[in-house]
């Protein structure tokens, strides 16, 4: 019984603090979601050329610039080899994605 009370007290005091994480990272989360949706559509449109190239696994990283803007970098890897890197400027307020040309 004492253990149950300790668990309940712990959840009551520390659960609200966990909700702030989503608010702090909401721009990055929304930017990643937009880019992932667009990136998956672009991959589905590409013709399949080589079996090894189909094993590309993208990894995503988002950096918040302000309340509406973030930069998302997509790195494609096949095993340990980095195949390509693309950057996107994302405006989550307007739901716009602009590819950065290097």
Protein backbone atom coordinates (compact mmCIF):
# COMPACT_ATOMS: atom_id res chain seq x y z
CA UNK A 1 0.00 0.00 0.00
CA UNK A 2 2.82 2.36 0.88
CA UNK A 3 4.43 1.66 -2.48
CA UNK A 4 1.19 2.51 -4.32
CA UNK A 5 0.90 5.83 -2.46
CA UNK A 6 4.51 6.70 -3.36
CA UNK A 7 3.84 5.98 -7.04
CA UNK A 8 0.71 8.14 -7.01
CA UNK A 9 2.48 11.04 -5.29
CA UNK A 10 5.38 10.79 -7.73
CA UNK A 11 3.01 10.91 -10.73
CA UNK A 12 1.03 13.85 -9.36
CA UNK A 13 4.11 15.99 -8.75
CA UNK A 14 6.23 15.10 -11.78
CA UNK A 15 3.72 14.38 -14.54
CA UNK A 16 2.90 18.06 -15.32
CA UNK A 17 6.60 18.79 -15.82
CA UNK A 18 6.75 16.15 -18.57
CA UNK A 19 4.07 17.97 -20.55
CA UNK A 20 6.32 21.00 -21.02
CA UNK A 21 8.71 19.02 -23.23
CA UNK A 22 6.18 18.87 -26.07
CA UNK A 23 5.58 22.63 -25.80
CA UNK A 24 9.33 23.33 -25.84
CA UNK A 25 9.97 21.17 -28.90
CA UNK A 26 6.69 21.68 -30.76
CA UNK A 27 8.34 23.62 -33.63
CA UNK A 28 10.94 20.90 -34.17
CA UNK A 29 8.35 18.12 -33.96
CA UNK A 30 6.03 19.82 -36.45
CA UNK A 31 8.93 20.59 -38.83
CA UNK A 32 10.14 16.98 -38.71
CA UNK A 33 6.62 15.70 -39.37
CA UNK A 34 6.17 17.96 -42.40
CA UNK A 35 9.55 17.03 -43.90
CA UNK A 36 9.08 13.30 -43.25
CA UNK A 37 5.71 13.34 -45.02
CA UNK A 38 7.13 15.21 -48.01
CA UNK A 39 10.33 13.15 -48.10
CA UNK A 40 8.42 9.85 -48.08
CA UNK A 41 6.29 11.07 -51.02
CA UNK A 42 9.44 12.00 -52.97
CA UNK A 43 11.05 8.60 -52.31
CA UNK A 44 7.92 6.77 -53.49
CA UNK A 45 8.03 8.71 -56.79
CA UNK A 46 11.66 7.76 -57.56
CA UNK A 47 12.13 4.71 -59.80
CA UNK A 48 13.83 1.72 -58.24
CA UNK A 49 17.23 1.36 -59.89
CA UNK A 50 19.39 -0.84 -57.69
CA UNK A 51 18.65 -3.24 -54.87
CA UNK A 52 21.46 -1.82 -52.71
CA UNK A 53 20.22 1.75 -53.13
CA UNK A 54 16.76 0.74 -51.88
CA UNK A 55 18.27 0.07 -48.44
CA UNK A 56 18.80 3.80 -47.85
CA UNK A 57 17.73 4.81 -44.37
CA UNK A 58 17.16 8.51 -43.75
CA UNK A 59 17.93 10.13 -40.41
CA UNK A 60 16.44 13.50 -39.49
CA UNK A 61 17.67 16.37 -37.33
CA UNK A 62 15.75 19.59 -36.61
CA UNK A 63 17.10 22.88 -35.30
CA UNK A 64 14.69 25.56 -34.09
CA UNK A 65 15.32 29.09 -35.37
CA UNK A 66 12.30 30.90 -33.87
CA UNK A 67 8.65 30.25 -33.01
CA UNK A 68 7.70 29.46 -36.63
CA UNK A 69 10.92 28.42 -38.38
CA UNK A 70 13.23 25.44 -38.16
CA UNK A 71 15.95 23.85 -40.25
CA UNK A 72 15.69 20.12 -40.92
CA UNK A 73 18.65 18.08 -42.19
CA UNK A 74 18.06 14.69 -43.78
CA UNK A 75 21.00 12.32 -44.08
CA UNK A 76 20.64 9.12 -46.12
CA UNK A 77 22.79 6.17 -45.13
CA UNK A 78 23.34 2.67 -46.45
CA UNK A 79 24.94 0.88 -43.54
CA UNK A 80 27.88 3.04 -42.51
CA UNK A 81 28.17 4.96 -45.78
CA UNK A 82 26.53 8.39 -46.05
CA UNK A 83 24.86 8.57 -49.46
CA UNK A 84 23.46 12.10 -49.37
CA UNK A 85 22.48 15.05 -47.21
CA UNK A 86 19.70 17.55 -47.81
CA UNK A 87 18.62 20.60 -45.82
CA UNK A 88 15.18 22.16 -45.62
CA UNK A 89 13.97 25.45 -44.19
CA UNK A 90 10.53 24.84 -42.71
CA UNK A 91 7.94 27.43 -41.69
CA UNK A 92 5.50 25.52 -39.48
CA UNK A 93 3.10 28.47 -39.15
CA UNK A 94 2.54 28.58 -42.93
CA UNK A 95 3.29 24.84 -43.41
CA UNK A 96 5.93 25.68 -46.06
CA UNK A 97 9.00 23.60 -46.88
CA UNK A 98 11.88 25.11 -48.86
CA UNK A 99 14.85 23.02 -49.93
CA UNK A 100 18.23 24.62 -49.28
CA UNK A 101 20.52 24.37 -52.30
CA UNK A 102 24.21 24.14 -51.40
